[in-house]
Protein backbone atom coordinates (compact mmCIF):
# COMPACT_ATOMS: atom_id res chain seq x y z
CA MET A 1 -13.24 2.20 -28.44
CA THR A 2 -11.29 4.86 -26.96
CA THR A 3 -6.94 5.11 -27.65
CA THR A 4 -4.46 7.12 -25.72
CA LEU A 5 -0.62 6.67 -26.89
CA ILE A 6 2.37 7.87 -24.55
CA HIS A 7 5.38 8.12 -25.91
CA SER A 8 9.25 9.09 -25.04
CA ALA A 9 9.12 8.37 -21.98
CA ARG A 10 11.77 6.23 -19.59
CA LEU A 11 9.54 3.10 -18.94
CA ILE A 12 10.17 1.45 -16.14
CA THR A 13 7.93 -1.77 -15.89
CA ASP A 14 9.25 -5.31 -15.02
CA GLY A 15 12.27 -4.50 -13.43
CA VAL A 16 13.42 -3.43 -16.87
CA GLU A 17 13.91 0.42 -17.96
CA THR A 18 13.34 1.12 -21.54
CA PRO A 19 14.34 4.16 -23.00
CA ASP A 20 12.12 6.27 -25.94
CA ALA A 21 9.37 4.09 -25.07
CA TRP A 22 5.87 4.66 -25.80
CA VAL A 23 2.86 2.55 -24.32
CA ARG A 24 -1.00 2.28 -26.29
CA PHE A 25 -4.16 2.23 -24.29
CA ALA A 26 -7.41 1.00 -25.27
CA ASP A 27 -10.47 1.46 -23.05
CA GLY A 28 -8.26 1.44 -20.49
CA VAL A 29 -6.39 -1.32 -21.07
CA VAL A 30 -2.72 -1.54 -22.12
CA VAL A 31 -2.92 -2.63 -25.98
CA ALA A 32 0.69 -2.41 -27.15
CA THR A 33 4.28 -0.94 -26.33
CA GLY A 34 7.47 -0.28 -28.34
CA THR A 35 10.42 1.90 -29.18
CA GLY A 36 11.21 5.01 -30.96
CA ALA A 37 8.41 6.45 -33.78
CA SER A 38 7.02 3.18 -34.28
CA TRP A 39 3.79 4.04 -32.82
CA SER A 40 0.39 5.08 -34.70
CA ASP A 41 -1.76 7.76 -33.91
CA ALA A 42 -4.49 7.84 -31.40
CA ASP A 43 -7.12 9.76 -29.68
CA THR A 44 -5.18 11.01 -27.27
CA VAL A 45 -1.33 11.77 -27.73
CA ILE A 46 0.77 12.45 -24.92
CA ASP A 47 4.00 13.80 -25.38
CA ALA A 48 5.91 12.39 -22.32
CA THR A 49 9.46 14.33 -22.50
CA ALA A 50 6.88 17.85 -23.70
CA LEU A 51 4.92 17.37 -20.54
CA ALA A 52 7.53 16.90 -18.51
CA GLY A 53 10.53 18.03 -19.32
CA GLU A 54 14.10 15.93 -20.43
CA GLY A 55 14.59 12.38 -18.51
CA ALA A 56 10.80 12.23 -18.42
CA ILE A 57 10.06 8.75 -16.67
CA LEU A 58 6.69 6.83 -17.10
CA THR A 59 5.56 3.56 -14.41
CA PRO A 60 2.69 1.68 -14.19
CA GLY A 61 0.49 3.02 -11.53
CA PHE A 62 0.96 3.19 -7.82
CA VAL A 63 -0.62 0.67 -5.82
CA ASP A 64 -1.17 1.55 -1.91
CA ILE A 65 -1.70 -1.70 0.01
CA HIS A 66 -1.75 0.55 3.43
CA ALA A 67 -2.95 3.84 3.87
CA HIS A 68 -5.87 5.52 6.15
CA GLY A 69 -6.65 9.01 4.51
CA GLY A 70 -5.69 12.58 3.30
CA ALA A 71 -6.34 15.94 2.65
CA GLY A 72 -7.93 16.11 6.21
CA ALA A 73 -10.60 12.86 5.71
CA ALA A 74 -10.12 9.47 7.10
CA PHE A 75 -11.76 6.04 5.15
CA ASP A 76 -12.76 5.09 8.40
CA ASP A 77 -15.67 7.78 7.71
CA GLY A 78 -17.49 7.11 4.53
CA THR A 79 -17.55 7.62 1.36
CA ASP A 80 -17.55 11.12 1.02
CA ALA A 81 -14.40 10.93 2.77
CA ILE A 82 -12.83 8.06 1.17
CA ARG A 83 -13.23 9.78 -2.29
CA THR A 84 -11.53 13.13 -0.68
CA ALA A 85 -8.67 11.34 0.51
CA ARG A 86 -8.13 9.02 -2.61
CA ALA A 87 -8.48 12.57 -4.53
CA MET A 88 -5.29 13.54 -2.80
CA HIS A 89 -3.84 10.30 -3.48
CA ARG A 90 -4.34 10.19 -7.20
CA SER A 91 -2.83 12.99 -7.73
CA HIS A 92 0.27 11.77 -6.31
CA GLY A 93 0.40 8.67 -8.60
CA THR A 94 -1.72 6.67 -6.23
CA THR A 95 -3.90 5.25 -9.26
CA ARG A 96 -5.04 2.51 -6.63
CA SER A 97 -5.76 1.66 -2.83
CA VAL A 98 -6.37 -1.04 -0.17
CA LEU A 99 -8.71 1.07 2.32
CA SER A 100 -6.95 0.76 5.98
CA LEU A 101 -9.40 1.16 8.70
CA VAL A 102 -7.55 1.30 11.98
CA THR A 103 -9.13 -0.29 15.17
CA ALA A 104 -13.15 -0.04 16.15
CA PRO A 105 -15.41 -2.08 17.60
CA VAL A 106 -16.93 -5.02 15.64
CA ASP A 107 -20.12 -3.77 14.67
CA ASP A 108 -18.21 -0.58 13.14
CA LEU A 109 -15.91 -2.67 11.28
CA ALA A 110 -18.16 -4.55 10.05
CA ARG A 111 -20.56 -1.95 8.81
CA ARG A 112 -17.86 0.21 7.24
CA VAL A 113 -16.07 -3.01 4.87
CA ALA A 114 -19.45 -3.54 3.80
CA GLU A 115 -19.96 0.17 2.56
CA ILE A 116 -16.43 -0.12 1.06
CA ALA A 117 -17.47 -3.01 -0.90
CA ASP A 118 -20.67 -1.07 -2.27
CA LEU A 119 -18.17 2.07 -3.09
CA MET A 120 -16.31 -0.71 -5.20
CA GLN A 121 -19.25 -0.91 -7.32
CA THR A 122 -18.80 2.66 -8.17
CA ASP A 123 -15.20 3.63 -7.56
CA ALA A 124 -13.00 1.28 -9.70
CA ASP A 125 -9.66 3.08 -7.88
CA ILE A 126 -10.52 1.45 -4.50
CA LEU A 127 -8.88 -2.38 -4.31
CA GLY A 128 -11.12 -3.41 -1.13
CA SER A 129 -10.31 -2.87 2.93
CA HIS A 130 -7.74 -4.01 5.03
CA LEU A 131 -8.47 -4.08 8.87
CA GLU A 132 -5.17 -3.15 10.76
CA GLY A 133 -6.75 -4.29 14.23
CA PRO A 134 -8.40 -5.02 16.27
CA PHE A 135 -6.45 -8.36 16.38
CA LEU A 136 -3.08 -6.81 17.83
CA GLU A 137 -0.95 -7.08 20.83
CA PRO A 138 -2.03 -4.51 23.64
CA GLU A 139 2.17 -3.76 23.86
CA ARG A 140 2.63 -3.52 20.43
CA LYS A 141 -0.63 -1.18 20.21
CA GLY A 142 1.01 1.87 18.36
CA ALA A 143 -1.58 4.58 17.52
CA HIS A 144 -4.58 1.69 17.98
CA GLU A 145 -6.91 2.27 21.38
CA PRO A 146 -5.76 -0.36 23.81
CA THR A 147 -9.38 -0.91 24.94
CA LEU A 148 -10.69 -2.18 21.75
CA LEU A 149 -8.64 -4.69 21.17
CA ARG A 150 -8.84 -8.19 21.02
CA HIS A 151 -8.39 -11.61 20.58
CA PRO A 152 -9.20 -12.89 17.14
CA VAL A 153 -11.46 -15.75 18.20
CA ALA A 154 -13.14 -17.64 14.78
CA GLU A 155 -16.65 -15.69 15.22
CA ASP A 156 -15.33 -12.07 14.89
CA VAL A 157 -13.02 -13.19 12.28
CA GLN A 158 -15.63 -14.76 10.08
CA ARG A 159 -17.87 -12.26 10.44
CA LEU A 160 -15.93 -9.34 9.11
CA LEU A 161 -14.50 -11.35 6.42
CA ASP A 162 -18.47 -12.16 5.34
CA ALA A 163 -19.23 -8.32 5.37
CA GLY A 164 -16.79 -7.32 3.32
CA ARG A 165 -18.26 -10.28 0.66
CA GLY A 166 -14.85 -10.79 -0.77
CA THR A 167 -13.74 -7.49 -0.95
CA VAL A 168 -11.88 -7.51 2.18
CA ARG A 169 -7.98 -7.80 0.61
CA GLN A 170 -5.94 -8.02 4.12
CA VAL A 171 -5.96 -8.65 7.80
CA THR A 172 -3.27 -7.73 9.92
CA LEU A 173 -2.70 -9.69 13.23
CA ALA A 174 -0.73 -10.72 16.31
CA PRO A 175 -0.08 -14.40 15.33
CA GLU A 176 0.81 -15.31 19.20
CA LEU A 177 -2.32 -14.14 20.29
CA PRO A 178 -4.62 -16.96 21.16
CA GLY A 179 -6.65 -17.67 18.24
CA GLY A 180 -4.21 -16.33 16.03
CA LEU A 181 -2.84 -19.17 13.90
CA GLU A 182 -6.07 -20.03 13.37
CA ALA A 183 -7.48 -17.02 11.71
CA ILE A 184 -4.61 -16.43 9.74
CA ARG A 185 -5.86 -19.96 7.91
CA ARG A 186 -9.43 -18.66 8.32
CA ILE A 187 -8.26 -15.32 6.24
CA VAL A 188 -6.14 -16.86 3.69
CA ALA A 189 -9.16 -19.68 3.05
CA ALA A 190 -11.62 -16.33 2.17
CA GLY A 191 -9.06 -15.16 -0.39
CA ALA A 192 -7.36 -12.26 1.85
CA ALA A 193 -4.10 -11.85 2.49
CA ALA A 194 -2.98 -12.87 6.01
CA ALA A 195 -0.64 -10.04 7.32
CA VAL A 196 1.75 -10.25 10.66
CA GLY A 197 1.76 -6.67 12.35
CA HIS A 198 1.44 -5.05 15.70
CA THR A 199 3.00 -8.13 17.35
CA SER A 200 5.37 -9.22 20.00
CA ALA A 201 6.24 -12.42 18.19
CA ASP A 202 9.89 -13.84 18.22
CA ALA A 203 11.02 -15.79 15.12
CA ALA A 204 9.77 -18.87 15.91
CA GLN A 205 6.19 -17.56 16.07
CA ALA A 206 6.52 -15.27 13.30
CA ARG A 207 7.99 -18.35 10.97
CA GLU A 208 4.53 -20.22 12.83
CA ALA A 209 2.56 -17.48 11.17
CA PHE A 210 4.21 -17.92 7.54
CA GLU A 211 3.22 -21.45 7.72
CA ALA A 212 0.24 -20.84 8.55
CA GLY A 213 -0.26 -18.90 5.41
CA ALA A 214 0.26 -15.12 6.46
CA THR A 215 2.48 -13.44 3.23
CA ILE A 216 2.54 -9.76 4.28
CA LEU A 217 4.32 -8.54 7.36
CA THR A 218 2.87 -4.95 8.12
CA HIS A 219 5.02 -1.89 8.25
CA ALA A 220 8.26 -3.33 8.61
CA PHE A 221 10.35 -2.61 12.00
CA ASN A 222 7.65 -1.01 13.04
CA ALA A 223 4.95 -1.97 16.16
CA MET A 224 7.37 -5.01 16.38
CA PRO A 225 10.65 -6.75 18.21
CA GLY A 226 14.02 -5.29 16.20
CA ILE A 227 16.59 -7.30 15.14
CA HIS A 228 18.66 -8.61 17.67
CA HIS A 229 21.86 -10.40 16.64
CA ARG A 230 20.50 -13.96 18.87
CA ALA A 231 17.34 -12.66 18.09
CA PRO A 232 16.53 -12.00 14.46
CA GLY A 233 12.42 -11.48 15.16
CA PRO A 234 9.80 -11.00 12.73
CA VAL A 235 11.80 -8.89 10.04
CA LEU A 236 14.85 -11.54 9.54
CA THR A 237 12.31 -14.02 9.33
CA ALA A 238 10.12 -12.32 6.81
CA ALA A 239 12.95 -11.81 4.85
CA ALA A 240 14.30 -14.82 4.78
CA ASP A 241 11.08 -16.18 3.65
CA HIS A 242 10.50 -15.53 -0.11
CA ARG A 243 6.98 -15.90 0.43
CA VAL A 244 6.24 -13.20 2.28
CA VAL A 245 6.11 -9.25 1.21
CA LEU A 246 7.29 -6.62 3.47
CA GLU A 247 6.18 -3.43 3.79
CA GLY A 248 8.05 -0.33 4.13
CA ILE A 249 6.93 3.18 4.73
CA ALA A 250 10.03 5.33 3.85
CA ASP A 251 9.14 9.13 5.40
CA ASN A 252 12.40 9.01 7.14
CA VAL A 253 10.54 8.81 9.99
CA HIS A 254 8.97 5.86 10.20
CA LEU A 255 12.57 4.38 8.38
CA ASP A 256 16.03 5.75 8.92
CA PRO A 257 17.15 6.29 4.66
CA TYR A 258 19.27 3.25 5.92
CA VAL A 259 17.05 0.51 7.17
CA ILE A 260 15.00 1.28 4.32
CA LYS A 261 17.83 0.49 1.98
CA LEU A 262 18.22 -2.15 4.17
CA LEU A 263 14.95 -3.78 3.74
CA PHE A 264 15.30 -3.75 0.01
CA ASP A 265 18.58 -5.60 0.10
CA SER A 266 17.60 -8.26 2.48
CA ALA A 267 14.44 -8.54 0.41
CA PRO A 268 14.86 -7.90 -3.16
CA GLY A 269 12.18 -8.20 -5.11
CA ARG A 270 9.73 -8.35 -2.07
CA VAL A 271 9.05 -4.77 -0.57
CA ALA A 272 5.96 -2.95 -1.17
CA LEU A 273 6.04 0.72 0.00
CA VAL A 274 3.31 1.68 1.39
CA THR A 275 2.02 5.34 3.15
CA ASP A 276 0.64 4.48 6.29
CA ALA A 277 -0.98 7.54 5.95
CA MET A 278 -3.83 9.23 7.67
CA ALA A 279 -6.09 12.15 7.52
CA ALA A 280 -3.05 14.84 7.96
CA ALA A 281 -1.14 13.70 4.89
CA GLY A 282 -1.91 16.36 2.42
CA SER A 283 -2.96 18.74 4.46
CA ALA A 284 -2.04 20.85 7.32
CA ASP A 285 -0.25 19.78 10.79
CA GLY A 286 -2.78 20.49 13.91
CA LYS A 287 -5.33 18.20 15.59
CA TYR A 288 -6.85 14.88 13.94
CA ASP A 289 -8.46 11.77 15.17
CA LEU A 290 -7.32 8.66 14.13
CA GLY A 291 -9.95 6.81 15.02
CA ALA A 292 -10.76 6.68 18.88
CA VAL A 293 -6.87 8.34 19.34
CA LYS A 294 -6.57 11.86 19.53
CA VAL A 295 -3.18 13.15 17.15
CA THR A 296 -0.99 15.67 16.87
CA VAL A 297 0.85 16.62 13.42
CA THR A 298 3.68 18.63 14.05
CA ASP A 299 5.87 19.22 11.01
CA GLY A 300 4.28 16.74 8.91
CA ILE A 301 5.15 13.79 12.16
CA ALA A 302 2.18 12.57 13.59
CA ARG A 303 2.44 11.40 16.74
CA THR A 304 -0.83 10.55 19.59
CA ASP A 305 -1.21 12.46 22.49
CA GLU A 306 -1.56 10.40 25.39
CA THR A 307 1.39 8.13 24.71
CA GLY A 308 3.67 9.80 21.77
CA SER A 309 3.92 7.25 19.38
CA ILE A 310 4.51 7.84 15.96
CA ALA A 311 0.24 7.90 14.39
CA GLY A 312 0.60 6.61 10.93
CA SER A 313 2.27 9.18 8.36
CA THR A 314 1.54 12.23 6.40
CA LEU A 315 3.59 10.32 3.58
CA THR A 316 2.19 10.39 -0.25
CA GLN A 317 3.55 7.60 -2.81
CA ASP A 318 5.82 9.83 -5.14
CA VAL A 319 7.79 11.62 -2.11
CA ALA A 320 7.87 7.44 -1.01
CA LEU A 321 10.04 7.16 -4.22
CA GLN A 322 12.22 9.60 -3.76
CA ARG A 323 13.48 8.99 -0.17
CA ALA A 324 13.61 5.44 -1.31
CA VAL A 325 15.73 6.36 -4.13
CA ALA A 326 17.66 8.81 -1.99
CA ALA A 327 18.46 6.29 0.62
CA GLY A 328 20.55 4.07 -2.41
CA VAL A 329 17.45 1.94 -3.77
CA PRO A 330 17.52 1.83 -7.20
CA LEU A 331 14.84 3.64 -9.14
CA ILE A 332 13.78 0.36 -10.91
CA GLU A 333 13.62 -1.39 -7.56
CA ALA A 334 12.16 1.51 -5.81
CA VAL A 335 9.17 1.69 -8.59
CA ARG A 336 8.63 -1.79 -8.25
CA ALA A 337 8.03 -1.56 -4.92
CA LEU A 338 5.56 0.36 -5.34
CA THR A 339 4.11 -1.16 -8.13
CA GLU A 340 3.78 -5.21 -9.19
CA THR A 341 5.26 -6.15 -5.43
CA PRO A 342 2.06 -4.46 -3.69
CA ALA A 343 -0.21 -5.84 -6.59
CA ARG A 344 1.30 -8.99 -6.49
CA ALA A 345 0.88 -9.05 -2.43
CA ILE A 346 -3.00 -8.94 -2.07
CA GLY A 347 -4.11 -10.98 -5.56
CA VAL A 348 -4.02 -8.54 -8.00
CA GLY A 349 -1.02 -8.82 -9.89
CA ASP A 350 -1.93 -10.29 -13.10
CA ARG A 351 -4.22 -6.87 -13.83
CA LEU A 352 -2.40 -4.21 -12.17
CA GLY A 353 1.53 -3.29 -11.38
CA ARG A 354 2.82 -3.54 -14.94
CA LEU A 355 2.52 -1.63 -18.26
CA ALA A 356 2.15 -4.75 -20.36
CA GLU A 357 -0.58 -6.05 -23.01
CA GLY A 358 -3.47 -6.95 -21.51
CA TYR A 359 -3.12 -4.68 -18.29
CA LEU A 360 -5.32 -2.07 -16.97
CA GLY A 361 -3.75 0.90 -17.96
CA ASP A 362 -2.90 3.02 -14.76
CA ALA A 363 0.04 5.04 -15.65
CA VAL A 364 2.20 7.62 -14.04
CA ILE A 365 4.54 10.33 -15.29
CA LEU A 366 7.09 11.31 -13.58
CA ARG A 367 9.91 14.43 -13.91
CA ALA A 368 12.91 13.60 -13.61
CA ASP A 369 13.21 14.46 -9.98
CA PHE A 370 10.41 11.77 -9.47
CA THR A 371 7.76 14.64 -9.16
CA VAL A 372 4.15 13.68 -11.04
CA ALA A 373 3.46 15.53 -14.37
CA HIS A 374 0.50 13.43 -15.31
CA VAL A 375 -1.60 10.48 -13.50
CA GLN A 376 -4.46 8.06 -15.48
CA THR A 377 -6.42 5.00 -14.34
CA GLY A 378 -7.42 2.69 -16.37
CA SER A 379 -10.85 0.59 -16.69
CA GLY A 380 -12.04 -1.41 -13.47
CA LEU A 381 -10.83 -5.05 -12.47
CA ASP A 382 -13.40 -7.73 -13.64
């Protein structure tokens, strides 16, 4: 048995901050927690204060349920690209990630989710795939290729779910499309999370989707109707439904800081901070491909060449934490939105997202300015 001990940290987990805390890990799993000098020796002992300075913070590893790539590589482009992008995001605290795939022909998507299923046998940091498309509303396409969008007919939906062999974690779709509600029920029956996104749904249609089983709102406010005092739209409908987790991209581009704070205030405990990062995250400005769409990144902002639409982000989750806190979100709630809430949203909240006995030993040590000093990933999911 290999043991690790992290001590002398402000532990933030489960919506609680504990000063001068320690956590003990054995073979990649949390086996004990405590405070002060009550810890016993271990094979590896990490003094968080010595490593990260006064005010060192210890949190669970970050979980990103919506990212497309980074370090110049896209998750759509196979094993090497996935590992390159994941290594960059891991260095920023994201110990586990769902791999989001952009709209493509169904044949290509089926092959890609099958490849991700295979990769999960060796790469424990990969939680599965997220199909962001092709079942999207063309008028809300964002950076998706419009000629590849299609209605969620049962045959296509089932084929993609089957290709993933139980590893498709999330499917984003526009519920108002023909077959949309049936597709939600099919996705949920397969054990995946159905997400409402890239949609023109009004409040009533969004409510129907949530009643049908959808439990995630994909990048809230983006690629959907906004809030109007006589037309609340999908955002307020999701915020009012305690079954629904709302994704937020806290990059100050997709969401203004005031709106980041509004999101947390409207849906306490139900915000998942995601990156929606594309290949340019952790890389230089320039020309990139996002699936079939050409993208230019200038000053860290990605936009499609054809329409100028925002095309994902260059965000990492440590920066999302910094910007959420700067927007007025309490640190405890921002950490929850990076850990416990996204893990719960995709059905792995019983093993990830907390530093508690029996949970996997994913942990991040942060300096007082919320930059990353240390990252560790625990054992794999059963």
